[in-house]
Structure formats: structure tokens, C-alpha cells
Amino acid sequence: MAAMETETAPLTLESLPTDPLLLILSFLDYRDLINCCYVSRRLSQLSSHDPLWRRHCKKYWLISEEEKTQKNQCWKSLFIDTYSDVGRYIDHYAAIKKAWDDLKKYLEPRCPRMVLSLKGVGIKMMLAL
């Protein structure tokens, strides 16, 4: 009976373990992760956890590990930089980039000169059309 009468400390965000919170944050969309930065210092630190942004970079921008290494940036920075550049196309960018990459892959062995002539066009130019 005495064990039931002891009071427990109130549960706060700061007292919760990191791993379960990161698991919960891993289910959030990029908009929600950004909003978590404004809730508290703890959530700001956790929502900036780089692996959380990896999924969004791959989903929306099709950024590979190789591209990340070349740019020498963290995943969150890559996401934000790309979003600031072509964010208004976020719902269509992955499909357009995949089609563009497939076209280049198809043309390289068949028409290498055409691929060279397309290098100046790029996906950003296509999006501007």
C-alpha cells in the first residue's frame, strides 16, 4: 500500500527519453518538423536531427548519399536549400527529376551529343517553363 502512495514526478517533455521522441518525429512531414522547432528547445534540437531529414530529401528531391557527400552539407541544410530554390514545385519535383534522369540515361548510350546539348537546360530550366 505504501508503494502506491508515493508520488511520482510530473512527466515533462524534457524528462522523456530521446529515442522514443525521435521515433515519433520520424512519422512527421517536413512542415510539421519545421513547426516543432518553434515549440521548445528540446523539440527544436530533436527535430533538427539529421537522419529525420534524410527521408524527406530522398522523397521530395531524390537526393542520393553521393550527392550529399559532394555538397558536403547535412540533410536538413540540403532540404532547406533545395526547398528555397524549387520549393513551390515540391509536389511534382521528384516525378520531373526522375523523368529527366531516365531521359538522360536513355540518351547517353544512343545520342551522347544530344545529352551534352541538354546539359545547359537542366531540370530547373524545365520547371521555369
C-alpha atoms as a PDB file:
ATOM      1  CA  MET A   1       0.000   0.000   0.000  1.00  0.00           C
ATOM      2  CA  ALA A   2       2.832   2.394   0.811  1.00  0.00           C
ATOM      3  CA  ALA A   3       4.315   1.976  -2.680  1.00  0.00           C
ATOM      4  CA  MET A   4       1.085   3.183  -4.271  1.00  0.00           C
ATOM      5  CA  GLU A   5       1.006   6.304  -2.120  1.00  0.00           C
ATOM      6  CA  THR A   6       4.405   7.613  -3.217  1.00  0.00           C
ATOM      7  CA  GLU A   7       4.133  10.477  -5.627  1.00  0.00           C
ATOM      8  CA  THR A   8       5.861  10.353  -8.981  1.00  0.00           C
ATOM      9  CA  ALA A   9       7.486  13.331 -10.605  1.00  0.00           C
ATOM     10  CA  PRO A  10       5.374  15.040 -13.267  1.00  0.00           C
ATOM     11  CA  LEU A  11       6.064  13.860 -16.789  1.00  0.00           C
ATOM     12  CA  THR A  12       7.538  16.594 -18.961  1.00  0.00           C
ATOM     13  CA  LEU A  13       8.954  16.726 -22.462  1.00  0.00           C
ATOM     14  CA  GLU A  14      12.426  17.175 -21.023  1.00  0.00           C
ATOM     15  CA  SER A  15      12.119  14.014 -18.937  1.00  0.00           C
ATOM     16  CA  LEU A  16      11.112  11.781 -21.866  1.00  0.00           C
ATOM     17  CA  PRO A  17      13.870   9.669 -23.412  1.00  0.00           C
ATOM     18  CA  THR A  18      15.288  10.797 -26.753  1.00  0.00           C
ATOM     19  CA  ASP A  19      14.825   7.611 -28.775  1.00  0.00           C
ATOM     20  CA  PRO A  20      11.015   7.377 -28.469  1.00  0.00           C
ATOM     21  CA  LEU A  21      10.700  11.076 -29.291  1.00  0.00           C
ATOM     22  CA  LEU A  22      12.856  10.653 -32.388  1.00  0.00           C
ATOM     23  CA  LEU A  23      10.704   7.716 -33.435  1.00  0.00           C
ATOM     24  CA  ILE A  24       7.585   9.852 -33.120  1.00  0.00           C
ATOM     25  CA  LEU A  25       9.215  12.689 -35.066  1.00  0.00           C
ATOM     26  CA  SER A  26      10.182  10.270 -37.832  1.00  0.00           C
ATOM     27  CA  PHE A  27       6.495   9.978 -38.771  1.00  0.00           C
ATOM     28  CA  LEU A  28       6.079  13.730 -39.289  1.00  0.00           C
ATOM     29  CA  ASP A  29       6.079  15.533 -42.602  1.00  0.00           C
ATOM     30  CA  TYR A  30       8.657  18.248 -43.269  1.00  0.00           C
ATOM     31  CA  ARG A  31       6.163  21.021 -42.421  1.00  0.00           C
ATOM     32  CA  ASP A  32       5.495  19.512 -39.006  1.00  0.00           C
ATOM     33  CA  LEU A  33       9.209  19.012 -38.336  1.00  0.00           C
ATOM     34  CA  ILE A  34       9.810  22.684 -39.048  1.00  0.00           C
ATOM     35  CA  ASN A  35       6.929  23.651 -36.755  1.00  0.00           C
ATOM     36  CA  CYS A  36       8.409  21.500 -33.972  1.00  0.00           C
ATOM     37  CA  CYS A  37      11.417  23.815 -33.973  1.00  0.00           C
ATOM     38  CA  TYR A  38       9.179  26.540 -32.523  1.00  0.00           C
ATOM     39  CA  VAL A  39       7.593  24.514 -29.708  1.00  0.00           C
ATOM     40  CA  SER A  40      10.505  24.147 -27.311  1.00  0.00           C
ATOM     41  CA  ARG A  41      14.283  23.971 -27.227  1.00  0.00           C
ATOM     42  CA  ARG A  42      14.177  20.216 -26.792  1.00  0.00           C
ATOM     43  CA  LEU A  43      11.906  19.682 -29.779  1.00  0.00           C
ATOM     44  CA  SER A  44      13.984  22.118 -31.793  1.00  0.00           C
ATOM     45  CA  GLN A  45      17.106  20.068 -31.121  1.00  0.00           C
ATOM     46  CA  LEU A  46      15.363  16.782 -31.820  1.00  0.00           C
ATOM     47  CA  SER A  47      13.628  17.951 -34.998  1.00  0.00           C
ATOM     48  CA  SER A  48      17.000  19.082 -36.339  1.00  0.00           C
ATOM     49  CA  HIS A  49      18.320  15.512 -36.020  1.00  0.00           C
ATOM     50  CA  ASP A  50      19.904  14.877 -39.418  1.00  0.00           C
ATOM     51  CA  PRO A  51      18.516  11.363 -40.154  1.00  0.00           C
ATOM     52  CA  LEU A  52      14.975  12.750 -39.885  1.00  0.00           C
ATOM     53  CA  TRP A  53      15.661  14.980 -42.886  1.00  0.00           C
ATOM     54  CA  ARG A  54      17.312  12.232 -44.953  1.00  0.00           C
ATOM     55  CA  ARG A  55      13.945  10.646 -45.706  1.00  0.00           C
ATOM     56  CA  HIS A  56      12.473  13.948 -46.866  1.00  0.00           C
ATOM     57  CA  CYS A  57      15.483  14.741 -49.084  1.00  0.00           C
ATOM     58  CA  LYS A  58      15.168  11.366 -50.762  1.00  0.00           C
ATOM     59  CA  LYS A  59      11.371  11.536 -51.061  1.00  0.00           C
ATOM     60  CA  TYR A  60      10.932  15.077 -52.357  1.00  0.00           C
ATOM     61  CA  TRP A  61      14.268  15.903 -54.017  1.00  0.00           C
ATOM     62  CA  LEU A  62      15.653  12.427 -54.870  1.00  0.00           C
ATOM     63  CA  ILE A  63      18.991  13.414 -53.343  1.00  0.00           C
ATOM     64  CA  SER A  64      21.344  10.448 -53.063  1.00  0.00           C
ATOM     65  CA  GLU A  65      24.033   9.802 -50.476  1.00  0.00           C
ATOM     66  CA  GLU A  66      26.585  10.536 -53.194  1.00  0.00           C
ATOM     67  CA  GLU A  67      25.089  13.961 -53.927  1.00  0.00           C
ATOM     68  CA  LYS A  68      25.019  14.741 -50.210  1.00  0.00           C
ATOM     69  CA  THR A  69      28.685  13.841 -49.908  1.00  0.00           C
ATOM     70  CA  GLN A  70      29.560  16.018 -52.912  1.00  0.00           C
ATOM     71  CA  LYS A  71      27.724  19.020 -51.485  1.00  0.00           C
ATOM     72  CA  ASN A  72      29.190  18.427 -48.014  1.00  0.00           C
ATOM     73  CA  GLN A  73      26.030  19.531 -46.189  1.00  0.00           C
ATOM     74  CA  CYS A  74      23.799  17.964 -43.597  1.00  0.00           C
ATOM     75  CA  TRP A  75      20.414  16.579 -44.726  1.00  0.00           C
ATOM     76  CA  LYS A  76      18.430  19.379 -43.127  1.00  0.00           C
ATOM     77  CA  SER A  77      20.518  22.036 -44.874  1.00  0.00           C
ATOM     78  CA  LEU A  78      20.159  20.222 -48.192  1.00  0.00           C
ATOM     79  CA  PHE A  79      16.399  20.071 -47.764  1.00  0.00           C
ATOM     80  CA  ILE A  80      16.104  23.744 -46.852  1.00  0.00           C
ATOM     81  CA  ASP A  81      18.446  24.887 -49.650  1.00  0.00           C
ATOM     82  CA  THR A  82      16.584  22.870 -52.261  1.00  0.00           C
ATOM     83  CA  TYR A  83      13.237  23.990 -50.876  1.00  0.00           C
ATOM     84  CA  SER A  84      14.254  27.632 -51.074  1.00  0.00           C
ATOM     85  CA  ASP A  85      15.275  27.077 -54.700  1.00  0.00           C
ATOM     86  CA  VAL A  86      12.410  24.948 -56.097  1.00  0.00           C
ATOM     87  CA  GLY A  87      10.065  24.504 -53.136  1.00  0.00           C
ATOM     88  CA  ARG A  88       6.988  25.665 -54.994  1.00  0.00           C
ATOM     89  CA  TYR A  89       7.294  22.509 -57.130  1.00  0.00           C
ATOM     90  CA  ILE A  90       7.677  20.140 -54.175  1.00  0.00           C
ATOM     91  CA  ASP A  91       4.632  18.057 -55.143  1.00  0.00           C
ATOM     92  CA  HIS A  92       5.946  17.446 -58.684  1.00  0.00           C
ATOM     93  CA  TYR A  93       9.718  17.798 -58.455  1.00  0.00           C
ATOM     94  CA  ALA A  94      10.518  14.129 -57.758  1.00  0.00           C
ATOM     95  CA  ALA A  95       8.486  12.904 -60.750  1.00  0.00           C
ATOM     96  CA  ILE A  96      10.020  15.511 -63.075  1.00  0.00           C
ATOM     97  CA  LYS A  97      13.558  14.820 -61.853  1.00  0.00           C
ATOM     98  CA  LYS A  98      13.083  11.063 -62.278  1.00  0.00           C
ATOM     99  CA  ALA A  99      11.766  11.549 -65.822  1.00  0.00           C
ATOM    100  CA  TRP A 100      14.702  13.858 -66.618  1.00  0.00           C
ATOM    101  CA  ASP A 101      17.233  11.369 -65.223  1.00  0.00           C
ATOM    102  CA  ASP A 102      15.585   8.498 -67.130  1.00  0.00           C
ATOM    103  CA  LEU A 103      15.743  10.522 -70.354  1.00  0.00           C
ATOM    104  CA  LYS A 104      19.449  11.242 -69.832  1.00  0.00           C
ATOM    105  CA  LYS A 105      20.126   7.585 -69.027  1.00  0.00           C
ATOM    106  CA  TYR A 106      18.322   6.518 -72.207  1.00  0.00           C
ATOM    107  CA  LEU A 107      20.071   9.085 -74.423  1.00  0.00           C
ATOM    108  CA  GLU A 108      23.654   8.673 -73.130  1.00  0.00           C
ATOM    109  CA  PRO A 109      24.449   5.420 -74.985  1.00  0.00           C
ATOM    110  CA  ARG A 110      22.337   6.313 -78.021  1.00  0.00           C
ATOM    111  CA  CYS A 111      22.913  10.050 -78.577  1.00  0.00           C
ATOM    112  CA  PRO A 112      25.759  11.344 -76.389  1.00  0.00           C
ATOM    113  CA  ARG A 113      25.926  14.632 -78.319  1.00  0.00           C
ATOM    114  CA  MET A 114      22.282  15.293 -77.525  1.00  0.00           C
ATOM    115  CA  VAL A 115      22.933  14.740 -73.816  1.00  0.00           C
ATOM    116  CA  LEU A 116      25.770  17.267 -73.990  1.00  0.00           C
ATOM    117  CA  SER A 117      23.463  19.790 -75.640  1.00  0.00           C
ATOM    118  CA  LEU A 118      20.866  19.253 -72.888  1.00  0.00           C
ATOM    119  CA  LYS A 119      23.299  19.859 -70.019  1.00  0.00           C
ATOM    120  CA  GLY A 120      22.666  23.600 -70.196  1.00  0.00           C
ATOM    121  CA  VAL A 121      18.905  23.112 -69.968  1.00  0.00           C
ATOM    122  CA  GLY A 122      18.663  21.155 -66.730  1.00  0.00           C
ATOM    123  CA  ILE A 123      15.667  20.458 -64.567  1.00  0.00           C
ATOM    124  CA  LYS A 124      15.435  23.949 -63.088  1.00  0.00           C
ATOM    125  CA  MET A 125      15.032  25.391 -66.566  1.00  0.00           C
ATOM    126  CA  MET A 126      12.269  22.870 -67.311  1.00  0.00           C
ATOM    127  CA  LEU A 127      10.437  23.886 -64.155  1.00  0.00           C
ATOM    128  CA  ALA A 128      10.598  27.530 -65.171  1.00  0.00           C
ATOM    129  CA  LEU A 129       8.679  26.748 -68.369  1.00  0.00           C
END
